[in-house]
Amino acid sequence: MVIGGKTGIGLGVAEAARASGASVIVASRRTETAETRPDLVPFTQVELDLRDESSVRAAFQTIGALDHLVVTASPDLGSWGTFMDDDMRGVRGYMEGKFLGSWASARHAAPLLRAGGSITFLTGGLAVRPKAGFAAATSAFAAVEALSASLALELAPTRVNTIRPGFIDTDMWRFLPTEQREGLRQKIAAAFPVRRIGQAADIGHAALFLMTNPYVTGTVVEVSGGETLVPSVS
């Protein structure tokens, strides 16, 4: 099951799992039709809102037993506001959707996981390279990584890991003008050791590794193209 598996990184994970022979469930807040999203026809769709634990609980009750859970969903980029906003609605909403949503998903999935199963969370480079204006995302990502390590002990022998992506070229960046988005791609290609921006399939590859390697748990796999080795790109 991939929560957030209908777009971006989540869809990349879902497609990689399906290509390896898995039957994949993709979960999000809305069900898409075959007419509007023919690419989702090979997947089973489930409605789930990470900000609502009753929705999370109901989704897992519907699904039943499963082998692996991957939680890729996050609130929209920039939805957290800034540290000195007039109120804390932004950060509360972001923590509810990212950290507590990941917590609830793992909590309700754990009893359903078959032997040899795994849980994989998704964070981001901000967890280790903070930037001004991103305090909520940085804090949420760090909290998810700490949760992952804790659950690797608490849920053992179920394996629990985290993927920490760098810049990945998905619709997450659609808020940028086309020229600015292309400029970002060029800056990354020039600066990063791998000489290109990341793709959703790169994260899918890492997710498959974490799902299928029986001796990996409690770890963070960074898939960033060497981003942390060079000056920050923005």
C-alpha atoms as a PDB file:
ATOM      1  CA  MET A   1       0.000   0.000   0.000  1.00  0.00           C
ATOM      2  CA  VAL A   2       1.293   3.448  -0.947  1.00  0.00           C
ATOM      3  CA  ILE A   3      -0.322   6.393   0.805  1.00  0.00           C
ATOM      4  CA  GLY A   4      -0.007   9.323  -1.570  1.00  0.00           C
ATOM      5  CA  GLY A   5       0.523   6.837  -4.389  1.00  0.00           C
ATOM      6  CA  LYS A   6      -1.441   8.603  -7.126  1.00  0.00           C
ATOM      7  CA  THR A   7       0.968  11.435  -7.889  1.00  0.00           C
ATOM      8  CA  GLY A   8       4.624  12.359  -7.845  1.00  0.00           C
ATOM      9  CA  ILE A   9       6.986  10.310  -5.718  1.00  0.00           C
ATOM     10  CA  GLY A  10       4.178   8.084  -4.442  1.00  0.00           C
ATOM     11  CA  LEU A  11       3.160   7.134  -7.970  1.00  0.00           C
ATOM     12  CA  GLY A  12       6.798   6.373  -8.742  1.00  0.00           C
ATOM     13  CA  VAL A  13       6.883   3.970  -5.791  1.00  0.00           C
ATOM     14  CA  ALA A  14       3.565   2.384  -6.792  1.00  0.00           C
ATOM     15  CA  GLU A  15       4.723   1.864 -10.383  1.00  0.00           C
ATOM     16  CA  ALA A  16       8.028   0.344  -9.255  1.00  0.00           C
ATOM     17  CA  ALA A  17       6.241  -2.077  -6.930  1.00  0.00           C
ATOM     18  CA  ARG A  18       3.776  -3.079  -9.635  1.00  0.00           C
ATOM     19  CA  ALA A  19       6.594  -3.616 -12.139  1.00  0.00           C
ATOM     20  CA  SER A  20       8.195  -6.015  -9.649  1.00  0.00           C
ATOM     21  CA  GLY A  21       5.010  -8.089  -9.527  1.00  0.00           C
ATOM     22  CA  ALA A  22       3.199  -6.667  -6.501  1.00  0.00           C
ATOM     23  CA  SER A  23      -0.519  -6.011  -6.235  1.00  0.00           C
ATOM     24  CA  VAL A  24      -0.568  -2.348  -5.225  1.00  0.00           C
ATOM     25  CA  ILE A  25      -3.117  -0.283  -3.321  1.00  0.00           C
ATOM     26  CA  VAL A  26      -2.850   3.495  -3.695  1.00  0.00           C
ATOM     27  CA  ALA A  27      -4.506   5.708  -1.103  1.00  0.00           C
ATOM     28  CA  SER A  28      -5.440   9.383  -1.203  1.00  0.00           C
ATOM     29  CA  ARG A  29      -8.291  11.666  -0.246  1.00  0.00           C
ATOM     30  CA  ARG A  30     -10.213  11.093  -3.500  1.00  0.00           C
ATOM     31  CA  THR A  31     -10.927   8.210  -5.861  1.00  0.00           C
ATOM     32  CA  GLU A  32     -10.077   8.910  -9.495  1.00  0.00           C
ATOM     33  CA  THR A  33     -12.065   7.569 -12.450  1.00  0.00           C
ATOM     34  CA  ALA A  34     -10.610   5.524 -15.282  1.00  0.00           C
ATOM     35  CA  GLU A  35     -11.580   8.322 -17.666  1.00  0.00           C
ATOM     36  CA  THR A  36      -9.622  11.014 -15.841  1.00  0.00           C
ATOM     37  CA  ARG A  37      -6.690   8.843 -14.698  1.00  0.00           C
ATOM     38  CA  PRO A  38      -6.277   5.788 -16.942  1.00  0.00           C
ATOM     39  CA  ASP A  39      -2.769   5.336 -15.512  1.00  0.00           C
ATOM     40  CA  LEU A  40      -4.317   4.323 -12.190  1.00  0.00           C
ATOM     41  CA  VAL A  41      -6.395   1.473 -13.627  1.00  0.00           C
ATOM     42  CA  PRO A  42      -3.802  -1.209 -12.640  1.00  0.00           C
ATOM     43  CA  PHE A  43      -4.018  -0.148  -8.983  1.00  0.00           C
ATOM     44  CA  THR A  44      -6.648  -0.620  -6.294  1.00  0.00           C
ATOM     45  CA  GLN A  45      -7.752   2.759  -4.951  1.00  0.00           C
ATOM     46  CA  VAL A  46      -8.664   3.518  -1.349  1.00  0.00           C
ATOM     47  CA  GLU A  47      -9.781   6.839   0.128  1.00  0.00           C
ATOM     48  CA  LEU A  48      -7.751   8.002   3.126  1.00  0.00           C
ATOM     49  CA  ASP A  49      -7.184  11.410   4.721  1.00  0.00           C
ATOM     50  CA  LEU A  50      -3.982  11.478   6.776  1.00  0.00           C
ATOM     51  CA  ARG A  51      -5.306  14.391   8.850  1.00  0.00           C
ATOM     52  CA  ASP A  52      -8.257  12.321  10.096  1.00  0.00           C
ATOM     53  CA  GLU A  53      -7.423   9.223  12.143  1.00  0.00           C
ATOM     54  CA  SER A  54     -10.937   7.822  11.733  1.00  0.00           C
ATOM     55  CA  SER A  55     -10.386   7.913   7.966  1.00  0.00           C
ATOM     56  CA  VAL A  56      -7.039   6.145   8.358  1.00  0.00           C
ATOM     57  CA  ARG A  57      -8.589   3.497  10.591  1.00  0.00           C
ATOM     58  CA  ALA A  58     -11.483   2.885   8.195  1.00  0.00           C
ATOM     59  CA  ALA A  59      -9.149   2.542   5.212  1.00  0.00           C
ATOM     60  CA  PHE A  60      -7.046  -0.157   6.874  1.00  0.00           C
ATOM     61  CA  GLN A  61     -10.123  -2.004   8.080  1.00  0.00           C
ATOM     62  CA  THR A  62     -11.227  -2.151   4.452  1.00  0.00           C
ATOM     63  CA  ILE A  63      -7.867  -3.350   3.156  1.00  0.00           C
ATOM     64  CA  GLY A  64      -7.104  -6.238   5.490  1.00  0.00           C
ATOM     65  CA  ALA A  65      -3.728  -8.010   5.524  1.00  0.00           C
ATOM     66  CA  LEU A  66      -0.840  -6.515   3.557  1.00  0.00           C
ATOM     67  CA  ASP A  67       2.905  -6.954   3.148  1.00  0.00           C
ATOM     68  CA  HIS A  68       4.306  -3.426   2.953  1.00  0.00           C
ATOM     69  CA  LEU A  69       3.258   0.131   3.728  1.00  0.00           C
ATOM     70  CA  VAL A  70       4.914   3.180   2.183  1.00  0.00           C
ATOM     71  CA  VAL A  71       3.782   6.625   3.369  1.00  0.00           C
ATOM     72  CA  THR A  72       4.776   9.298   0.849  1.00  0.00           C
ATOM     73  CA  ALA A  73       1.970  11.842   1.269  1.00  0.00           C
ATOM     74  CA  SER A  74       2.651  15.348   2.608  1.00  0.00           C
ATOM     75  CA  PRO A  75       0.632  18.545   2.898  1.00  0.00           C
ATOM     76  CA  ASP A  76       1.122  20.998   0.051  1.00  0.00           C
ATOM     77  CA  LEU A  77       4.488  22.732  -0.183  1.00  0.00           C
ATOM     78  CA  GLY A  78       4.378  26.018   1.697  1.00  0.00           C
ATOM     79  CA  SER A  79       1.158  25.236   3.554  1.00  0.00           C
ATOM     80  CA  TRP A  80       2.899  25.498   6.933  1.00  0.00           C
ATOM     81  CA  GLY A  81       3.398  29.280   6.827  1.00  0.00           C
ATOM     82  CA  THR A  82       6.328  30.788   8.719  1.00  0.00           C
ATOM     83  CA  PHE A  83       7.595  30.646  12.286  1.00  0.00           C
ATOM     84  CA  MET A  84       6.325  34.138  13.195  1.00  0.00           C
ATOM     85  CA  ASP A  85       2.857  33.856  11.657  1.00  0.00           C
ATOM     86  CA  ASP A  86       0.026  35.440  13.633  1.00  0.00           C
ATOM     87  CA  ASP A  87      -1.127  31.975  14.703  1.00  0.00           C
ATOM     88  CA  MET A  88       0.067  28.370  14.541  1.00  0.00           C
ATOM     89  CA  ARG A  89      -2.583  26.949  12.240  1.00  0.00           C
ATOM     90  CA  GLY A  90      -0.047  26.348   9.476  1.00  0.00           C
ATOM     91  CA  VAL A  91       2.441  24.384  11.538  1.00  0.00           C
ATOM     92  CA  ARG A  92      -0.313  22.481  13.383  1.00  0.00           C
ATOM     93  CA  GLY A  93      -1.859  21.463  10.066  1.00  0.00           C
ATOM     94  CA  TYR A  94       1.484  20.408   8.636  1.00  0.00           C
ATOM     95  CA  MET A  95       2.453  18.361  11.692  1.00  0.00           C
ATOM     96  CA  GLU A  96      -1.022  16.789  11.702  1.00  0.00           C
ATOM     97  CA  GLY A  97      -0.715  15.764   8.063  1.00  0.00           C
ATOM     98  CA  LYS A  98       2.948  14.725   7.945  1.00  0.00           C
ATOM     99  CA  PHE A  99       4.059  13.533  11.381  1.00  0.00           C
ATOM    100  CA  LEU A 100       0.813  12.448  13.052  1.00  0.00           C
ATOM    101  CA  GLY A 101      -0.519  11.136   9.733  1.00  0.00           C
ATOM    102  CA  SER A 102       2.545   8.923   9.390  1.00  0.00           C
ATOM    103  CA  TRP A 103       2.124   7.831  13.020  1.00  0.00           C
ATOM    104  CA  ALA A 104      -1.554   6.930  12.515  1.00  0.00           C
ATOM    105  CA  SER A 105      -0.846   5.051   9.294  1.00  0.00           C
ATOM    106  CA  ALA A 106       1.849   2.917  10.931  1.00  0.00           C
ATOM    107  CA  ARG A 107      -0.319   2.362  14.006  1.00  0.00           C
ATOM    108  CA  HIS A 108      -3.258   0.995  12.047  1.00  0.00           C
ATOM    109  CA  ALA A 109      -1.146  -0.898   9.515  1.00  0.00           C
ATOM    110  CA  ALA A 110       1.102  -2.702  12.011  1.00  0.00           C
ATOM    111  CA  PRO A 111      -1.442  -5.337  13.135  1.00  0.00           C
ATOM    112  CA  LEU A 112      -2.215  -6.146   9.490  1.00  0.00           C
ATOM    113  CA  LEU A 113       1.333  -6.658   8.235  1.00  0.00           C
ATOM    114  CA  ARG A 114       2.294 -10.211   7.333  1.00  0.00           C
ATOM    115  CA  ALA A 115       5.547 -11.788   8.504  1.00  0.00           C
ATOM    116  CA  GLY A 116       8.501 -10.164   6.767  1.00  0.00           C
ATOM    117  CA  GLY A 117       6.545  -6.962   6.220  1.00  0.00           C
ATOM    118  CA  SER A 118       7.844  -3.411   6.338  1.00  0.00           C
ATOM    119  CA  ILE A 119       6.904   0.223   6.811  1.00  0.00           C
ATOM    120  CA  THR A 120       8.692   2.976   4.892  1.00  0.00           C
ATOM    121  CA  PHE A 121       8.306   6.696   5.548  1.00  0.00           C
ATOM    122  CA  LEU A 122       9.344   9.639   3.369  1.00  0.00           C
ATOM    123  CA  THR A 123      10.987  12.852   4.573  1.00  0.00           C
ATOM    124  CA  GLY A 124      13.310  15.278   2.794  1.00  0.00           C
ATOM    125  CA  GLY A 125      16.692  16.943   2.848  1.00  0.00           C
ATOM    126  CA  LEU A 126      15.404  19.680   5.151  1.00  0.00           C
ATOM    127  CA  ALA A 127      15.662  17.146   7.976  1.00  0.00           C
ATOM    128  CA  VAL A 128      19.442  17.602   7.937  1.00  0.00           C
ATOM    129  CA  ARG A 129      19.850  20.857   6.006  1.00  0.00           C
ATOM    130  CA  PRO A 130      17.422  23.423   7.434  1.00  0.00           C
ATOM    131  CA  LYS A 131      16.546  26.595   5.534  1.00  0.00           C
ATOM    132  CA  ALA A 132      15.027  29.828   6.760  1.00  0.00           C
ATOM    133  CA  GLY A 133      11.246  29.810   6.388  1.00  0.00           C
ATOM    134  CA  PHE A 134      10.934  26.012   6.526  1.00  0.00           C
ATOM    135  CA  ALA A 135      10.889  25.417  10.286  1.00  0.00           C
ATOM    136  CA  ALA A 136       7.672  23.381  10.211  1.00  0.00           C
ATOM    137  CA  ALA A 137       8.790  21.034   7.430  1.00  0.00           C
ATOM    138  CA  THR A 138      12.239  20.623   8.969  1.00  0.00           C
ATOM    139  CA  SER A 139      10.719  19.752  12.345  1.00  0.00           C
ATOM    140  CA  ALA A 140       8.136  17.368  10.855  1.00  0.00           C
ATOM    141  CA  PHE A 141      10.742  15.529   8.787  1.00  0.00           C
ATOM    142  CA  ALA A 142      13.086  15.156  11.755  1.00  0.00           C
ATOM    143  CA  ALA A 143      10.182  13.875  13.862  1.00  0.00           C
ATOM    144  CA  VAL A 144       9.240  11.273  11.236  1.00  0.00           C
ATOM    145  CA  GLU A 145      12.839  10.028  11.075  1.00  0.00           C
ATOM    146  CA  ALA A 146      12.917   9.722  14.871  1.00  0.00           C
ATOM    147  CA  LEU A 147       9.594   7.873  14.786  1.00  0.00           C
ATOM    148  CA  SER A 148      10.971   5.482  12.183  1.00  0.00           C
ATOM    149  CA  ALA A 149      13.932   4.531  14.375  1.00  0.00           C
ATOM    150  CA  SER A 150      11.689   4.110  17.426  1.00  0.00           C
ATOM    151  CA  LEU A 151       9.240   1.881  15.572  1.00  0.00           C
ATOM    152  CA  ALA A 152      12.049  -0.290  14.217  1.00  0.00           C
ATOM    153  CA  LEU A 153      12.500  -1.346  17.864  1.00  0.00           C
ATOM    154  CA  GLU A 154       8.889  -1.220  19.010  1.00  0.00           C
ATOM    155  CA  LEU A 155       7.424  -3.153  16.061  1.00  0.00           C
ATOM    156  CA  ALA A 156      10.312  -5.601  15.565  1.00  0.00           C
ATOM    157  CA  PRO A 157      10.650  -7.863  13.670  1.00  0.00           C
ATOM    158  CA  THR A 158       8.605  -5.675  11.308  1.00  0.00           C
ATOM    159  CA  ARG A 159      11.172  -3.507   9.543  1.00  0.00           C
ATOM    160  CA  VAL A 160      10.755   0.285   9.580  1.00  0.00           C
ATOM    161  CA  ASN A 161      12.851   2.662   7.474  1.00  0.00           C
ATOM    162  CA  THR A 162      12.824   6.141   5.948  1.00  0.00           C
ATOM    163  CA  ILE A 163      13.724   7.504   2.527  1.00  0.00           C
ATOM    164  CA  ARG A 164      15.125  11.042   2.508  1.00  0.00           C
ATOM    165  CA  PRO A 165      14.854  12.410  -1.036  1.00  0.00           C
ATOM    166  CA  GLY A 166      16.620  15.427  -2.438  1.00  0.00           C
ATOM    167  CA  PHE A 167      15.235  17.504  -5.309  1.00  0.00           C
ATOM    168  CA  ILE A 168      12.819  15.269  -7.240  1.00  0.00           C
ATOM    169  CA  ASP A 169      11.259  16.549 -10.476  1.00  0.00           C
ATOM    170  CA  THR A 170       7.535  16.127  -9.808  1.00  0.00           C
ATOM    171  CA  ASP A 171       4.379  18.239  -9.833  1.00  0.00           C
ATOM    172  CA  MET A 172       5.307  19.367  -6.322  1.00  0.00           C
ATOM    173  CA  TRP A 173       7.133  22.204  -8.100  1.00  0.00           C
ATOM    174  CA  ARG A 174       4.185  23.209 -10.263  1.00  0.00           C
ATOM    175  CA  PHE A 175       3.778  26.438  -8.296  1.00  0.00           C
ATOM    176  CA  LEU A 176       6.973  27.719  -9.957  1.00  0.00           C
ATOM    177  CA  PRO A 177       6.786  29.454 -13.352  1.00  0.00           C
ATOM    178  CA  THR A 178       7.984  27.242 -16.200  1.00  0.00           C
ATOM    179  CA  GLU A 179      11.169  29.265 -16.707  1.00  0.00           C
ATOM    180  CA  GLN A 180      12.050  29.157 -13.026  1.00  0.00           C
ATOM    181  CA  ARG A 181      11.423  25.422 -12.836  1.00  0.00           C
ATOM    182  CA  GLU A 182      13.678  24.812 -15.830  1.00  0.00           C
ATOM    183  CA  GLY A 183      16.294  27.054 -14.271  1.00  0.00           C
ATOM    184  CA  LEU A 184      16.200  24.946 -11.109  1.00  0.00           C
ATOM    185  CA  ARG A 185      16.759  21.785 -13.153  1.00  0.00           C
ATOM    186  CA  GLN A 186      19.778  23.371 -14.823  1.00  0.00           C
ATOM    187  CA  LYS A 187      21.273  24.574 -11.529  1.00  0.00           C
ATOM    188  CA  ILE A 188      20.942  21.099 -10.030  1.00  0.00           C
ATOM    189  CA  ALA A 189      22.437  19.409 -13.096  1.00  0.00           C
ATOM    190  CA  ALA A 190      25.413  21.747 -12.900  1.00  0.00           C
ATOM    191  CA  ALA A 191      25.954  21.456  -9.144  1.00  0.00           C
ATOM    192  CA  PHE A 192      25.084  17.910  -8.079  1.00  0.00           C
ATOM    193  CA  PRO A 193      27.618  15.091  -8.555  1.00  0.00           C
ATOM    194  CA  VAL A 194      25.089  12.994 -10.520  1.00  0.00           C
ATOM    195  CA  ARG A 195      24.588  15.916 -12.960  1.00  0.00           C
ATOM    196  CA  ARG A 196      20.778  15.700 -13.060  1.00  0.00           C
ATOM    197  CA  ILE A 197      17.667  16.282 -11.002  1.00  0.00           C
ATOM    198  CA  GLY A 198      16.053  13.275  -9.341  1.00  0.00           C
ATOM    199  CA  GLN A 199      13.077  11.390 -10.770  1.00  0.00           C
ATOM    200  CA  ALA A 200      10.206   9.639  -9.001  1.00  0.00           C
ATOM    201  CA  ALA A 201      11.568   6.333 -10.301  1.00  0.00           C
ATOM    202  CA  ASP A 202      14.761   6.908  -8.274  1.00  0.00           C
ATOM    203  CA  ILE A 203      12.689   6.884  -5.096  1.00  0.00           C
ATOM    204  CA  GLY A 204      10.724   3.885  -6.337  1.00  0.00           C
ATOM    205  CA  HIS A 205      14.002   1.990  -6.690  1.00  0.00           C
ATOM    206  CA  ALA A 206      14.988   2.844  -3.112  1.00  0.00           C
ATOM    207  CA  ALA A 207      11.561   1.844  -1.791  1.00  0.00           C
ATOM    208  CA  LEU A 208      11.829  -1.572  -3.460  1.00  0.00           C
ATOM    209  CA  PHE A 209      15.226  -2.090  -1.838  1.00  0.00           C
ATOM    210  CA  LEU A 210      13.834  -1.294   1.606  1.00  0.00           C
ATOM    211  CA  MET A 211      10.783  -3.499   1.079  1.00  0.00           C
ATOM    212  CA  THR A 212      12.742  -6.511  -0.124  1.00  0.00           C
ATOM    213  CA  ASN A 213      16.004  -6.485   1.864  1.00  0.00           C
ATOM    214  CA  PRO A 214      15.245  -8.461   5.049  1.00  0.00           C
ATOM    215  CA  TYR A 215      18.279  -7.147   6.947  1.00  0.00           C
ATOM    216  CA  VAL A 216      17.638  -3.397   6.756  1.00  0.00           C
ATOM    217  CA  THR A 217      15.681  -1.630   9.486  1.00  0.00           C
ATOM    218  CA  GLY A 218      15.866   1.589  11.477  1.00  0.00           C
ATOM    219  CA  THR A 219      17.806   3.369   8.769  1.00  0.00           C
ATOM    220  CA  VAL A 220      17.458   6.489   6.633  1.00  0.00           C
ATOM    221  CA  VAL A 221      18.324   6.034   2.965  1.00  0.00           C
ATOM    222  CA  GLU A 222      19.211   9.356   1.384  1.00  0.00           C
ATOM    223  CA  VAL A 223      18.462   9.563  -2.340  1.00  0.00           C
ATOM    224  CA  SER A 224      19.670  13.047  -3.162  1.00  0.00           C
ATOM    225  CA  GLY A 225      22.169  12.859  -6.005  1.00  0.00           C
ATOM    226  CA  GLY A 226      24.906  14.025  -3.626  1.00  0.00           C
ATOM    227  CA  GLU A 227      23.023  17.193  -2.652  1.00  0.00           C
ATOM    228  CA  THR A 228      24.499  17.357   0.832  1.00  0.00           C
ATOM    229  CA  LEU A 229      28.022  17.362  -0.615  1.00  0.00           C
ATOM    230  CA  VAL A 230      27.646  20.700  -2.403  1.00  0.00           C
ATOM    231  CA  PRO A 231      26.470  24.240  -1.528  1.00  0.00           C
ATOM    232  CA  SER A 232      22.715  24.696  -1.272  1.00  0.00           C
ATOM    233  CA  VAL A 233      20.820  25.170  -4.543  1.00  0.00           C
ATOM    234  CA  SER A 234      17.630  27.259  -4.634  1.00  0.00           C
END
